Amino acid sequence: MSTFLLEIVTPERIVYSQQVDSVSVRGAEGELGIMAGHLPLVTPLKVAPIIIKSGNTALTVAVHGGFVEVQKEKVIILAESAEMSTDIDVERAKAARERAERRLSSSGNQDLIDHRRAELALQRAITRINVSSPSKE
């Protein structure tokens, strides 16, 4: 199987840069599996885990929005933020999920911007929890 260079980059740092067999992302139009030789494209990413496969191993990374760019021999994920499972504080993510759920359930005179922020915070928290402990939640 052919490999390609996958780079996951945030404004702060390069999170990941290695040769891989495939990567699965959740784009604006749905799930997208990318292997060597994929046609070039650029698409926005949703807040969701990505799955990186290399040999017999699979790695899951929490990606919080951004874009994926597929080039001839390289795939670049430009993420607003990205976290490896080992870097995630699960207790903090659970607390963030609870805060976001409380904000969403209190439907008083909440404006649309606050509601959208709470939805995004909930998505990020759930993604972090799922990446750090996929079999527990």
Protein backbone atom coordinates (compact mmCIF):
# COMPACT_ATOMS: atom_id res chain seq x y z
CA MET A 1 0.00 0.00 0.00
CA SER A 2 1.29 3.48 -0.87
CA THR A 3 1.72 6.10 1.81
CA PHE A 4 1.55 9.88 1.85
CA LEU A 5 2.66 12.64 4.20
CA LEU A 6 -0.05 13.79 6.61
CA GLU A 7 0.44 17.08 8.44
CA ILE A 8 -1.93 18.37 11.10
CA VAL A 9 -1.18 22.04 11.74
CA THR A 10 -2.75 24.53 14.14
CA PRO A 11 -1.93 28.23 14.51
CA GLU A 12 0.33 27.31 17.44
CA ARG A 13 2.23 24.24 16.20
CA ILE A 14 2.57 21.18 14.00
CA VAL A 15 0.58 18.52 15.86
CA TYR A 16 1.40 15.59 13.57
CA SER A 17 3.67 15.01 10.58
CA GLN A 18 4.24 11.43 9.38
CA GLN A 19 3.79 9.06 6.46
CA VAL A 20 0.42 7.29 6.71
CA ASP A 21 -1.69 4.80 4.74
CA SER A 22 -5.01 6.63 5.09
CA VAL A 23 -6.91 9.29 7.02
CA SER A 24 -10.65 9.65 7.62
CA VAL A 25 -12.12 13.09 8.29
CA ARG A 26 -15.60 14.57 8.65
CA GLY A 27 -15.96 17.32 6.09
CA ALA A 28 -18.84 19.68 5.42
CA GLU A 29 -20.42 17.13 3.08
CA GLY A 30 -19.87 14.11 5.34
CA GLU A 31 -17.22 11.44 5.96
CA LEU A 32 -14.21 11.43 3.67
CA GLY A 33 -11.58 8.70 3.43
CA ILE A 34 -8.28 9.72 1.88
CA MET A 35 -5.62 7.34 0.58
CA ALA A 36 -2.52 7.82 -1.57
CA GLY A 37 -3.42 9.02 -5.05
CA HIS A 38 -6.61 10.80 -3.96
CA LEU A 39 -7.73 13.63 -6.23
CA PRO A 40 -6.70 17.09 -5.03
CA LEU A 41 -9.35 18.96 -3.05
CA VAL A 42 -9.95 21.46 -0.26
CA THR A 43 -12.94 21.19 2.06
CA PRO A 44 -13.94 22.58 5.46
CA LEU A 45 -13.84 20.24 8.46
CA LYS A 46 -16.39 19.78 11.19
CA VAL A 47 -15.59 19.39 14.87
CA ALA A 48 -14.98 15.64 14.95
CA PRO A 49 -12.35 12.98 15.48
CA ILE A 50 -10.10 12.04 12.58
CA ILE A 51 -8.72 8.53 12.22
CA ILE A 52 -5.18 7.99 10.95
CA LYS A 53 -4.16 4.52 9.78
CA SER A 54 -0.58 3.47 9.33
CA GLY A 55 0.29 -0.20 9.01
CA ASN A 56 -1.68 -2.12 11.63
CA THR A 57 -2.19 0.86 13.91
CA ALA A 58 -4.95 3.44 14.06
CA LEU A 59 -4.65 6.78 15.82
CA THR A 60 -7.53 9.11 16.64
CA VAL A 61 -7.04 12.87 16.91
CA ALA A 62 -9.61 15.44 18.10
CA VAL A 63 -9.87 18.15 15.44
CA HIS A 64 -11.91 21.26 16.12
CA GLY A 65 -12.77 22.72 12.75
CA GLY A 66 -10.56 23.97 9.97
CA PHE A 67 -9.80 22.69 6.48
CA VAL A 68 -8.28 19.66 4.80
CA GLU A 69 -6.19 20.14 1.67
CA VAL A 70 -5.36 17.07 -0.41
CA GLN A 71 -2.34 17.51 -2.65
CA LYS A 72 -0.62 15.05 -4.96
CA GLU A 73 1.64 13.46 -2.32
CA LYS A 74 0.60 15.23 0.87
CA VAL A 75 -2.50 15.96 2.96
CA ILE A 76 -2.56 19.02 5.19
CA ILE A 77 -5.15 19.49 7.91
CA LEU A 78 -5.26 23.16 8.93
CA ALA A 79 -7.17 22.97 12.20
CA GLU A 80 -8.36 25.65 14.57
CA SER A 81 -7.10 23.26 17.25
CA ALA A 82 -6.14 19.59 17.36
CA GLU A 83 -5.35 17.29 20.26
CA MET A 84 -3.80 13.86 20.48
CA SER A 85 -5.67 11.50 22.81
CA THR A 86 -2.75 11.55 25.26
CA ASP A 87 -2.98 15.37 25.56
CA ILE A 88 -6.68 15.47 26.52
CA ASP A 89 -7.74 16.13 30.11
CA VAL A 90 -10.87 13.95 30.27
CA GLU A 91 -12.19 15.44 33.52
CA ARG A 92 -11.89 18.95 32.11
CA ALA A 93 -13.67 17.84 28.91
CA LYS A 94 -16.51 16.28 30.95
CA ALA A 95 -16.88 19.49 32.97
CA ALA A 96 -16.99 21.51 29.72
CA ARG A 97 -19.65 19.17 28.33
CA GLU A 98 -21.78 19.65 31.47
CA ARG A 99 -21.42 23.46 31.30
CA ALA A 100 -22.41 23.51 27.62
CA GLU A 101 -25.40 21.23 28.23
CA ARG A 102 -26.58 23.51 31.07
CA ARG A 103 -26.27 26.59 28.85
CA LEU A 104 -28.21 24.90 26.08
CA SER A 105 -30.96 23.69 28.40
CA SER A 106 -31.54 27.14 29.92
CA SER A 107 -33.50 28.57 27.01
CA GLY A 108 -34.33 31.91 28.63
CA ASN A 109 -33.58 35.04 26.63
CA GLN A 110 -30.34 33.59 25.35
CA ASP A 111 -29.18 35.16 22.12
CA LEU A 112 -28.29 33.18 19.03
CA ILE A 113 -24.53 33.78 19.34
CA ASP A 114 -24.39 32.42 22.90
CA HIS A 115 -26.44 29.40 21.82
CA ARG A 116 -24.07 28.68 18.91
CA ARG A 117 -21.03 29.06 21.18
CA ALA A 118 -22.55 26.57 23.62
CA GLU A 119 -23.27 24.12 20.78
CA LEU A 120 -19.65 24.34 19.56
CA ALA A 121 -18.32 23.95 23.10
CA LEU A 122 -20.46 20.83 23.50
CA GLN A 123 -19.20 19.39 20.20
CA ARG A 124 -15.58 20.03 21.19
CA ALA A 125 -16.07 18.45 24.63
CA ILE A 126 -17.76 15.35 23.20
CA THR A 127 -15.03 14.99 20.57
CA ARG A 128 -12.32 15.22 23.25
CA ILE A 129 -14.06 12.63 25.41
CA ASN A 130 -14.57 10.26 22.49
CA VAL A 131 -10.95 10.55 21.34
CA SER A 132 -9.49 10.07 24.81
CA SER A 133 -11.68 7.11 25.76
CA PRO A 134 -13.62 5.75 22.76
CA SER A 135 -14.85 2.63 24.57
CA LYS A 136 -15.92 4.42 27.78
CA GLU A 137 -18.38 7.07 26.53
